[in-house]
C-alpha cells in the first residue's frame, strides 16, 4: 500500500509561514509586523483566511518558493512603487548593507528619492540626461525649492551608491 499524502488548507500553511519569518527578506530588519508577498503582490489577512483549498506538502514546497516575508517599508517599495529614474530597491539594500545608517534614516533617503522620481516623471524629465558619476549635478536645476538640501543630500548618497555599484 502507498503512503497517504497529508493535505492541509493553504491558509494554515501561509499562517505557519508568516510565524516562522523572523527577519525581512530584503533588509534583514527584525519583523514585528510583516507583509506576506506572493509573486509581487501583498496577501492580506482577509485573503489568507479565505484560502481554504487543500494542498499537499509537495504543492506547498513549490508555492513557498514564490513567497517572501517583508517588513512594511520594504513591501511598500517592492510592491507599490515603480520608479522610472532611480533603482530604489537596490539603493535601499546598499544603505542597509554598506552603511551604518539606522532604519529611519534609510527610510528618509528612500522617501526623498521616491518623491523626486515622482516629480521627474510628472515633468517628463528625459532619463537619458542622467549619466555619469553625479546624478546630483545632472538634477541640480530640477530640484524643488522646498527641501532643496534634503534632495541634494539624498542625491549625493545615491551618487555614492552608483559609484559602489560600478566597483
N, C-alpha and C. Protein backbone atom coordinates (compact mmCIF):
# COMPACT_ATOMS: atom_id res chain seq x y z
N UNK A 1 0.82 -1.20 0.00
CA UNK A 1 0.00 0.00 0.00
C UNK A 1 0.86 1.26 0.00
N UNK A 2 0.45 2.26 -0.77
CA UNK A 2 1.19 3.53 -0.84
C UNK A 2 0.94 4.37 0.39
N UNK A 3 1.84 5.29 0.65
CA UNK A 3 1.67 6.17 1.81
C UNK A 3 0.65 7.26 1.49
N UNK A 4 -0.10 7.63 2.49
CA UNK A 4 -1.14 8.64 2.33
C UNK A 4 -0.50 10.03 2.35
N UNK A 5 -0.85 10.85 1.38
CA UNK A 5 -0.33 12.20 1.33
C UNK A 5 -1.16 13.08 2.26
N UNK A 6 -0.47 13.82 3.13
CA UNK A 6 -1.16 14.72 4.05
C UNK A 6 -1.49 16.01 3.32
N UNK A 7 -2.71 16.44 3.49
CA UNK A 7 -3.12 17.72 2.91
C UNK A 7 -3.63 18.62 4.03
N UNK A 8 -3.41 19.90 3.84
CA UNK A 8 -3.86 20.92 4.79
C UNK A 8 -4.40 22.10 4.01
N UNK A 9 -5.19 22.94 4.64
CA UNK A 9 -5.65 24.16 3.95
C UNK A 9 -4.46 25.09 3.69
N UNK A 10 -4.48 25.72 2.55
CA UNK A 10 -3.43 26.66 2.18
C UNK A 10 -3.29 27.75 3.24
N UNK A 11 -4.39 28.22 3.78
CA UNK A 11 -4.34 29.27 4.80
C UNK A 11 -3.49 28.85 6.00
N UNK A 12 -3.55 27.58 6.37
CA UNK A 12 -2.76 27.09 7.51
C UNK A 12 -1.27 27.14 7.19
N UNK A 13 -0.91 26.70 5.98
CA UNK A 13 0.49 26.79 5.55
C UNK A 13 0.98 28.25 5.57
N UNK A 14 0.15 29.16 5.04
CA UNK A 14 0.53 30.57 4.98
C UNK A 14 0.70 31.18 6.37
N UNK A 15 -0.22 30.85 7.27
CA UNK A 15 -0.12 31.37 8.64
C UNK A 15 1.13 30.83 9.32
N UNK A 16 1.42 29.57 9.14
CA UNK A 16 2.63 28.99 9.71
C UNK A 16 3.88 29.65 9.13
N UNK A 17 3.86 29.89 7.83
CA UNK A 17 4.98 30.54 7.16
C UNK A 17 5.22 31.92 7.76
N UNK A 18 4.14 32.69 7.93
CA UNK A 18 4.26 34.03 8.50
C UNK A 18 4.90 34.00 9.88
N UNK A 19 4.52 33.02 10.67
CA UNK A 19 5.03 32.96 12.04
C UNK A 19 6.47 32.48 12.13
N UNK A 20 6.97 31.87 11.07
CA UNK A 20 8.37 31.43 11.08
C UNK A 20 9.33 32.50 10.58
N UNK A 21 8.80 33.56 9.99
CA UNK A 21 9.65 34.62 9.45
C UNK A 21 10.06 35.55 10.59
N UNK A 22 11.35 35.67 10.80
CA UNK A 22 11.89 36.47 11.89
C UNK A 22 12.45 37.79 11.37
N UNK A 23 13.03 37.76 10.17
CA UNK A 23 13.65 38.94 9.59
C UNK A 23 13.09 39.21 8.20
N UNK A 24 13.12 40.48 7.83
CA UNK A 24 12.70 40.88 6.49
C UNK A 24 13.65 40.25 5.47
N UNK A 25 13.10 39.71 4.41
CA UNK A 25 13.91 39.07 3.37
C UNK A 25 14.79 40.05 2.61
N UNK A 26 14.43 41.34 2.61
CA UNK A 26 15.22 42.33 1.86
C UNK A 26 16.22 43.06 2.73
N UNK A 27 15.77 43.63 3.84
CA UNK A 27 16.67 44.47 4.64
C UNK A 27 17.21 43.77 5.88
N UNK A 28 16.63 42.64 6.23
CA UNK A 28 17.11 41.90 7.39
C UNK A 28 16.58 42.40 8.72
N UNK A 29 15.77 43.45 8.70
CA UNK A 29 15.22 44.01 9.93
C UNK A 29 14.38 42.96 10.64
N UNK A 30 14.47 42.94 11.98
CA UNK A 30 13.64 42.04 12.76
C UNK A 30 12.18 42.44 12.54
N UNK A 31 11.36 41.46 12.24
CA UNK A 31 9.96 41.72 11.92
C UNK A 31 9.10 41.76 13.18
N UNK A 32 8.45 42.89 13.40
CA UNK A 32 7.42 42.91 14.42
C UNK A 32 6.07 42.74 13.72
N UNK A 33 5.92 43.40 12.60
CA UNK A 33 4.77 43.19 11.71
C UNK A 33 5.35 42.95 10.33
N UNK A 34 4.67 42.15 9.56
CA UNK A 34 5.23 41.82 8.25
C UNK A 34 4.15 41.83 7.17
N UNK A 35 4.62 41.91 5.96
CA UNK A 35 3.75 41.76 4.80
C UNK A 35 4.17 40.47 4.11
N UNK A 36 3.21 39.67 3.79
CA UNK A 36 3.46 38.43 3.06
C UNK A 36 3.25 38.74 1.58
N UNK A 37 4.27 38.49 0.78
CA UNK A 37 4.24 38.83 -0.64
C UNK A 37 4.34 37.55 -1.46
N UNK A 38 3.41 37.40 -2.39
CA UNK A 38 3.39 36.25 -3.29
C UNK A 38 3.44 36.77 -4.71
N UNK A 39 4.54 36.46 -5.41
CA UNK A 39 4.75 36.88 -6.80
C UNK A 39 4.50 38.38 -6.99
N UNK A 40 5.07 39.17 -6.08
CA UNK A 40 4.99 40.62 -6.21
C UNK A 40 3.73 41.27 -5.68
N UNK A 41 2.82 40.50 -5.14
CA UNK A 41 1.56 41.05 -4.61
C UNK A 41 1.46 40.74 -3.12
N UNK A 42 1.03 41.74 -2.36
CA UNK A 42 0.84 41.55 -0.92
C UNK A 42 -0.45 40.76 -0.69
N UNK A 43 -0.36 39.76 0.18
CA UNK A 43 -1.54 38.97 0.56
C UNK A 43 -1.95 39.42 1.95
N UNK A 44 -3.14 39.97 2.07
CA UNK A 44 -3.58 40.45 3.38
C UNK A 44 -4.25 39.34 4.19
N UNK A 45 -4.51 39.64 5.47
CA UNK A 45 -5.10 38.66 6.39
C UNK A 45 -6.42 38.09 5.88
N UNK A 46 -7.26 38.97 5.38
CA UNK A 46 -8.58 38.54 4.90
C UNK A 46 -8.43 37.55 3.75
N UNK A 47 -7.52 37.83 2.85
CA UNK A 47 -7.30 36.92 1.71
C UNK A 47 -6.78 35.57 2.20
N UNK A 48 -5.86 35.60 3.16
CA UNK A 48 -5.30 34.36 3.69
C UNK A 48 -6.40 33.50 4.32
N UNK A 49 -7.24 34.13 5.12
CA UNK A 49 -8.28 33.35 5.81
C UNK A 49 -9.26 32.71 4.83
N UNK A 50 -9.39 33.25 3.63
CA UNK A 50 -10.29 32.68 2.63
C UNK A 50 -9.65 31.60 1.76
N UNK A 51 -8.38 31.34 1.96
CA UNK A 51 -7.68 30.34 1.14
C UNK A 51 -7.79 28.97 1.79
N UNK A 52 -8.94 28.35 1.59
CA UNK A 52 -9.21 27.08 2.29
C UNK A 52 -9.01 25.85 1.41
N UNK A 53 -8.48 26.02 0.20
CA UNK A 53 -8.23 24.86 -0.65
C UNK A 53 -7.16 23.98 -0.02
N UNK A 54 -7.35 22.68 -0.12
CA UNK A 54 -6.42 21.73 0.46
C UNK A 54 -5.26 21.50 -0.49
N UNK A 55 -4.04 21.55 0.06
CA UNK A 55 -2.87 21.28 -0.75
C UNK A 55 -1.93 20.33 0.00
N UNK A 56 -1.13 19.63 -0.75
CA UNK A 56 -0.19 18.67 -0.16
C UNK A 56 1.09 19.39 0.25
N UNK A 57 1.92 18.71 1.00
CA UNK A 57 3.22 19.24 1.40
C UNK A 57 4.09 19.54 0.18
N UNK A 58 4.02 18.68 -0.82
CA UNK A 58 4.78 18.89 -2.05
C UNK A 58 4.32 20.15 -2.78
N UNK A 59 3.01 20.35 -2.88
CA UNK A 59 2.49 21.57 -3.52
C UNK A 59 2.92 22.80 -2.73
N UNK A 60 2.89 22.68 -1.40
CA UNK A 60 3.32 23.80 -0.56
C UNK A 60 4.78 24.14 -0.80
N UNK A 61 5.63 23.14 -0.93
CA UNK A 61 7.05 23.38 -1.19
C UNK A 61 7.23 24.19 -2.48
N UNK A 62 6.45 23.87 -3.49
CA UNK A 62 6.53 24.61 -4.76
C UNK A 62 6.04 26.05 -4.60
N UNK A 63 4.93 26.24 -3.90
CA UNK A 63 4.38 27.58 -3.70
C UNK A 63 5.29 28.45 -2.84
N UNK A 64 5.91 27.84 -1.87
CA UNK A 64 6.74 28.57 -0.91
C UNK A 64 7.89 29.31 -1.59
N UNK A 65 8.33 28.81 -2.72
CA UNK A 65 9.42 29.46 -3.45
C UNK A 65 9.04 30.86 -3.94
N UNK A 66 7.74 31.10 -4.10
CA UNK A 66 7.26 32.40 -4.58
C UNK A 66 6.81 33.32 -3.46
N UNK A 67 7.00 32.92 -2.21
CA UNK A 67 6.60 33.72 -1.06
C UNK A 67 7.79 34.45 -0.46
N UNK A 68 7.53 35.65 0.01
CA UNK A 68 8.55 36.44 0.66
C UNK A 68 7.93 37.15 1.86
N UNK A 69 8.64 37.17 2.96
CA UNK A 69 8.22 37.93 4.13
C UNK A 69 9.00 39.22 4.20
N UNK A 70 8.29 40.35 4.15
CA UNK A 70 8.94 41.66 4.13
C UNK A 70 8.43 42.54 5.26
N UNK A 71 9.28 43.46 5.72
CA UNK A 71 8.80 44.48 6.63
C UNK A 71 7.88 45.41 5.82
N UNK A 72 7.13 46.20 6.50
CA UNK A 72 6.18 47.06 5.78
C UNK A 72 6.88 48.06 4.87
N UNK A 73 8.00 48.57 5.29
CA UNK A 73 8.77 49.52 4.49
C UNK A 73 9.22 48.89 3.18
N UNK A 74 9.82 47.71 3.26
CA UNK A 74 10.30 47.03 2.05
C UNK A 74 9.13 46.60 1.16
N UNK A 75 8.04 46.16 1.77
CA UNK A 75 6.89 45.73 0.95
C UNK A 75 6.31 46.91 0.19
N UNK A 76 6.31 48.09 0.81
CA UNK A 76 5.80 49.28 0.13
C UNK A 76 6.66 49.61 -1.08
N UNK A 77 7.98 49.53 -0.91
CA UNK A 77 8.89 49.82 -2.03
C UNK A 77 8.77 48.73 -3.09
N UNK A 78 8.77 47.50 -2.67
CA UNK A 78 8.78 46.35 -3.58
C UNK A 78 7.48 46.22 -4.37
N UNK A 79 6.36 46.46 -3.70
CA UNK A 79 5.06 46.20 -4.33
C UNK A 79 4.32 47.44 -4.81
N UNK A 80 4.61 48.59 -4.25
CA UNK A 80 3.78 49.76 -4.53
C UNK A 80 4.48 50.89 -5.26
N UNK A 81 5.69 50.67 -5.72
CA UNK A 81 6.34 51.76 -6.45
C UNK A 81 7.02 51.21 -7.69
N UNK A 82 6.92 51.96 -8.74
CA UNK A 82 7.60 51.63 -9.99
C UNK A 82 8.40 52.86 -10.41
N UNK A 83 9.54 53.08 -9.75
CA UNK A 83 10.33 54.27 -10.08
C UNK A 83 10.84 54.23 -11.52
N UNK A 84 10.86 55.40 -12.14
CA UNK A 84 11.30 55.49 -13.53
C UNK A 84 12.78 55.85 -13.64
N UNK A 85 13.33 56.50 -12.62
CA UNK A 85 14.69 57.03 -12.72
C UNK A 85 15.69 56.36 -11.78
N UNK A 86 15.25 56.03 -10.58
CA UNK A 86 16.15 55.52 -9.55
C UNK A 86 15.90 54.04 -9.28
N UNK A 87 16.96 53.32 -8.99
CA UNK A 87 16.84 51.92 -8.57
C UNK A 87 16.70 51.93 -7.05
N UNK A 88 15.51 52.23 -6.60
CA UNK A 88 15.26 52.48 -5.18
C UNK A 88 15.45 51.22 -4.35
N UNK A 89 15.02 50.08 -4.82
CA UNK A 89 15.17 48.85 -4.05
C UNK A 89 16.65 48.51 -3.82
N UNK A 90 17.45 48.61 -4.85
CA UNK A 90 18.89 48.34 -4.71
C UNK A 90 19.57 49.41 -3.86
N UNK A 91 19.14 50.65 -4.00
CA UNK A 91 19.69 51.74 -3.20
C UNK A 91 19.42 51.49 -1.72
N UNK A 92 18.21 51.07 -1.41
CA UNK A 92 17.85 50.77 -0.03
C UNK A 92 18.71 49.64 0.50
N UNK A 93 18.90 48.60 -0.31
CA UNK A 93 19.75 47.48 0.10
C UNK A 93 21.17 47.95 0.39
N UNK A 94 21.68 48.79 -0.49
CA UNK A 94 23.02 49.34 -0.31
C UNK A 94 23.13 50.09 1.02
N UNK A 95 22.16 50.96 1.30
CA UNK A 95 22.21 51.74 2.53
C UNK A 95 22.20 50.84 3.76
N UNK A 96 21.40 49.78 3.72
CA UNK A 96 21.34 48.87 4.87
C UNK A 96 22.62 48.06 5.02
N UNK A 97 23.14 47.56 3.92
CA UNK A 97 24.26 46.62 4.00
C UNK A 97 25.63 47.28 4.00
N UNK A 98 25.77 48.43 3.36
CA UNK A 98 27.09 49.02 3.17
C UNK A 98 27.33 50.29 4.00
N UNK A 99 26.32 50.75 4.71
CA UNK A 99 26.49 51.94 5.56
C UNK A 99 26.04 51.58 6.97
N UNK A 100 26.28 52.48 7.88
CA UNK A 100 25.89 52.27 9.28
C UNK A 100 24.60 53.02 9.62
N UNK A 101 23.79 53.32 8.63
CA UNK A 101 22.58 54.10 8.86
C UNK A 101 21.52 53.29 9.59
N UNK A 102 20.77 54.00 10.43
CA UNK A 102 19.65 53.32 11.08
C UNK A 102 18.45 53.29 10.13
N UNK A 103 17.47 52.50 10.50
CA UNK A 103 16.31 52.25 9.63
C UNK A 103 15.57 53.54 9.27
N UNK A 104 15.39 54.43 10.24
CA UNK A 104 14.62 55.66 9.97
C UNK A 104 15.36 56.59 9.01
N UNK A 105 16.69 56.62 9.07
CA UNK A 105 17.46 57.45 8.14
C UNK A 105 17.39 56.89 6.73
N UNK A 106 17.51 55.58 6.61
CA UNK A 106 17.37 54.94 5.29
C UNK A 106 16.01 55.26 4.72
N UNK A 107 14.99 55.16 5.55
CA UNK A 107 13.63 55.45 5.11
C UNK A 107 13.54 56.88 4.56
N UNK A 108 14.15 57.84 5.25
CA UNK A 108 14.13 59.23 4.80
C UNK A 108 14.75 59.39 3.42
N UNK A 109 15.92 58.79 3.22
CA UNK A 109 16.58 58.88 1.91
C UNK A 109 15.72 58.27 0.81
N UNK A 110 15.14 57.13 1.10
CA UNK A 110 14.31 56.45 0.11
C UNK A 110 13.06 57.27 -0.21
N UNK A 111 12.42 57.81 0.81
CA UNK A 111 11.23 58.64 0.58
C UNK A 111 11.57 59.85 -0.28
N UNK A 112 12.70 60.48 -0.01
CA UNK A 112 13.12 61.65 -0.80
C UNK A 112 13.32 61.27 -2.27
N UNK A 113 13.99 60.15 -2.51
CA UNK A 113 14.22 59.74 -3.91
C UNK A 113 12.92 59.35 -4.59
N UNK A 114 12.01 58.72 -3.85
CA UNK A 114 10.71 58.38 -4.46
C UNK A 114 9.95 59.64 -4.85
N UNK A 115 9.97 60.64 -3.99
CA UNK A 115 9.30 61.91 -4.30
C UNK A 115 9.95 62.58 -5.51
N UNK A 116 11.27 62.57 -5.52
CA UNK A 116 11.98 63.16 -6.64
C UNK A 116 11.68 62.40 -7.94
N UNK A 117 11.63 61.08 -7.86
CA UNK A 117 11.29 60.26 -9.02
C UNK A 117 9.89 60.61 -9.52
N UNK A 118 8.94 60.74 -8.61
CA UNK A 118 7.57 61.11 -8.99
C UNK A 118 7.54 62.49 -9.66
N UNK A 119 8.29 63.43 -9.10
CA UNK A 119 8.33 64.78 -9.65
C UNK A 119 8.95 64.78 -11.05
N UNK A 120 10.06 64.06 -11.22
CA UNK A 120 10.70 63.99 -12.54
C UNK A 120 9.77 63.34 -13.56
N UNK A 121 9.06 62.30 -13.14
CA UNK A 121 8.11 61.63 -14.04
C UNK A 121 6.99 62.58 -14.44
N UNK A 122 6.46 63.30 -13.46
CA UNK A 122 5.36 64.23 -13.73
C UNK A 122 5.78 65.34 -14.70
N UNK A 123 7.05 65.71 -14.65
CA UNK A 123 7.56 66.77 -15.52
C UNK A 123 8.15 66.25 -16.83
N UNK A 124 8.11 64.93 -17.02
CA UNK A 124 8.61 64.35 -18.26
C UNK A 124 10.11 64.53 -18.46
N UNK A 125 10.87 64.52 -17.39
CA UNK A 125 12.32 64.71 -17.47
C UNK A 125 12.94 63.58 -18.29
N UNK A 126 13.76 63.89 -19.30
CA UNK A 126 14.37 62.84 -20.13
C UNK A 126 15.40 62.01 -19.35
N UNK A 127 15.17 60.74 -19.24
CA UNK A 127 16.04 59.84 -18.47
C UNK A 127 17.46 59.81 -19.01
N UNK A 128 17.63 60.06 -20.31
CA UNK A 128 18.97 59.99 -20.89
C UNK A 128 19.88 61.14 -20.41
N UNK A 129 19.32 62.12 -19.73
CA UNK A 129 20.14 63.20 -19.16
C UNK A 129 20.84 62.77 -17.87
N UNK A 130 20.44 61.63 -17.34
CA UNK A 130 21.04 61.12 -16.11
C UNK A 130 22.15 60.14 -16.45
N UNK A 131 23.36 60.67 -16.53
CA UNK A 131 24.50 59.82 -16.82
C UNK A 131 25.71 60.33 -16.06
N UNK A 132 26.74 59.57 -16.07
CA UNK A 132 27.96 59.98 -15.41
C UNK A 132 27.97 59.59 -13.95
N UNK A 133 28.89 60.20 -13.23
CA UNK A 133 29.11 59.83 -11.85
C UNK A 133 28.31 60.66 -10.86
N UNK A 134 27.68 61.72 -11.31
CA UNK A 134 26.95 62.56 -10.36
C UNK A 134 25.56 62.91 -10.88
N UNK A 135 24.58 62.14 -10.42
CA UNK A 135 23.20 62.46 -10.76
C UNK A 135 22.80 63.73 -10.03
N UNK A 136 23.46 64.01 -8.93
CA UNK A 136 23.22 65.24 -8.19
C UNK A 136 23.45 66.45 -9.10
N UNK A 137 24.56 66.44 -9.83
CA UNK A 137 24.86 67.54 -10.76
C UNK A 137 23.87 67.58 -11.92
N UNK A 138 23.50 66.42 -12.43
CA UNK A 138 22.55 66.35 -13.55
C UNK A 138 21.19 66.93 -13.18
N UNK A 139 20.82 66.79 -11.91
CA UNK A 139 19.49 67.19 -11.47
C UNK A 139 19.45 68.50 -10.69
N UNK A 140 20.58 69.14 -10.56
CA UNK A 140 20.67 70.37 -9.76
C UNK A 140 19.57 71.38 -10.10
N UNK A 141 19.32 71.58 -11.38
CA UNK A 141 18.33 72.56 -11.81
C UNK A 141 16.89 72.07 -11.64
N UNK A 142 16.71 70.78 -11.47
CA UNK A 142 15.37 70.20 -11.37
C UNK A 142 14.85 70.14 -9.94
N UNK A 143 15.73 70.36 -8.96
CA UNK A 143 15.34 70.20 -7.56
C UNK A 143 14.36 71.28 -7.14
N UNK A 144 13.34 70.89 -6.40
CA UNK A 144 12.35 71.88 -5.94
C UNK A 144 12.97 72.80 -4.89
N UNK A 145 12.44 74.01 -4.77
CA UNK A 145 12.95 74.96 -3.78
C UNK A 145 12.75 74.43 -2.37
N UNK A 146 11.57 73.91 -2.10
CA UNK A 146 11.27 73.39 -0.77
C UNK A 146 12.09 72.12 -0.53
N UNK A 147 12.83 72.11 0.56
CA UNK A 147 13.61 70.92 0.89
C UNK A 147 14.76 70.66 -0.06
N UNK A 148 15.21 71.69 -0.75
CA UNK A 148 16.29 71.56 -1.74
C UNK A 148 17.48 70.80 -1.17
N UNK A 149 17.89 71.16 0.04
CA UNK A 149 19.05 70.50 0.66
C UNK A 149 18.77 69.03 0.95
N UNK A 150 17.55 68.70 1.33
CA UNK A 150 17.21 67.30 1.61
C UNK A 150 17.34 66.44 0.35
N UNK A 151 16.88 66.95 -0.76
CA UNK A 151 17.02 66.22 -2.02
C UNK A 151 18.49 66.11 -2.42
N UNK A 152 19.22 67.20 -2.20
CA UNK A 152 20.63 67.23 -2.55
C UNK A 152 21.40 66.16 -1.75
N UNK A 153 21.11 66.06 -0.46
CA UNK A 153 21.78 65.07 0.39
C UNK A 153 21.44 63.65 -0.08
N UNK A 154 20.18 63.41 -0.38
CA UNK A 154 19.77 62.09 -0.86
C UNK A 154 20.44 61.76 -2.19
N UNK A 155 20.55 62.74 -3.07
CA UNK A 155 21.20 62.51 -4.36
C UNK A 155 22.70 62.23 -4.21
N UNK A 156 23.34 62.89 -3.26
CA UNK A 156 24.76 62.60 -3.02
C UNK A 156 24.93 61.16 -2.53
N UNK A 157 24.01 60.70 -1.69
CA UNK A 157 24.06 59.30 -1.24
C UNK A 157 23.81 58.37 -2.42
N UNK A 158 22.91 58.76 -3.31
CA UNK A 158 22.64 57.94 -4.50
C UNK A 158 23.88 57.90 -5.40
N UNK A 159 24.59 59.01 -5.50
CA UNK A 159 25.84 59.02 -6.26
C UNK A 159 26.85 58.05 -5.66
N UNK A 160 26.93 58.00 -4.32
CA UNK A 160 27.82 57.04 -3.65
C UNK A 160 27.41 55.61 -4.00
N UNK A 161 26.10 55.37 -4.01
CA UNK A 161 25.57 54.05 -4.38
C UNK A 161 25.97 53.70 -5.81
N UNK A 162 25.85 54.65 -6.74
CA UNK A 162 26.21 54.39 -8.14
C UNK A 162 27.70 54.05 -8.26
N UNK A 163 28.53 54.77 -7.51
CA UNK A 163 29.97 54.50 -7.51
C UNK A 163 30.26 53.12 -6.95
N UNK A 164 29.59 52.76 -5.87
CA UNK A 164 29.75 51.44 -5.26
C UNK A 164 29.31 50.35 -6.24
N UNK A 165 28.22 50.60 -6.94
CA UNK A 165 27.67 49.62 -7.89
C UNK A 165 28.63 49.37 -9.05
N UNK A 166 29.36 50.40 -9.46
CA UNK A 166 30.30 50.26 -10.58
C UNK A 166 31.52 49.41 -10.20
N UNK A 167 31.83 49.39 -8.92
CA UNK A 167 33.04 48.66 -8.47
C UNK A 167 32.81 47.19 -8.29
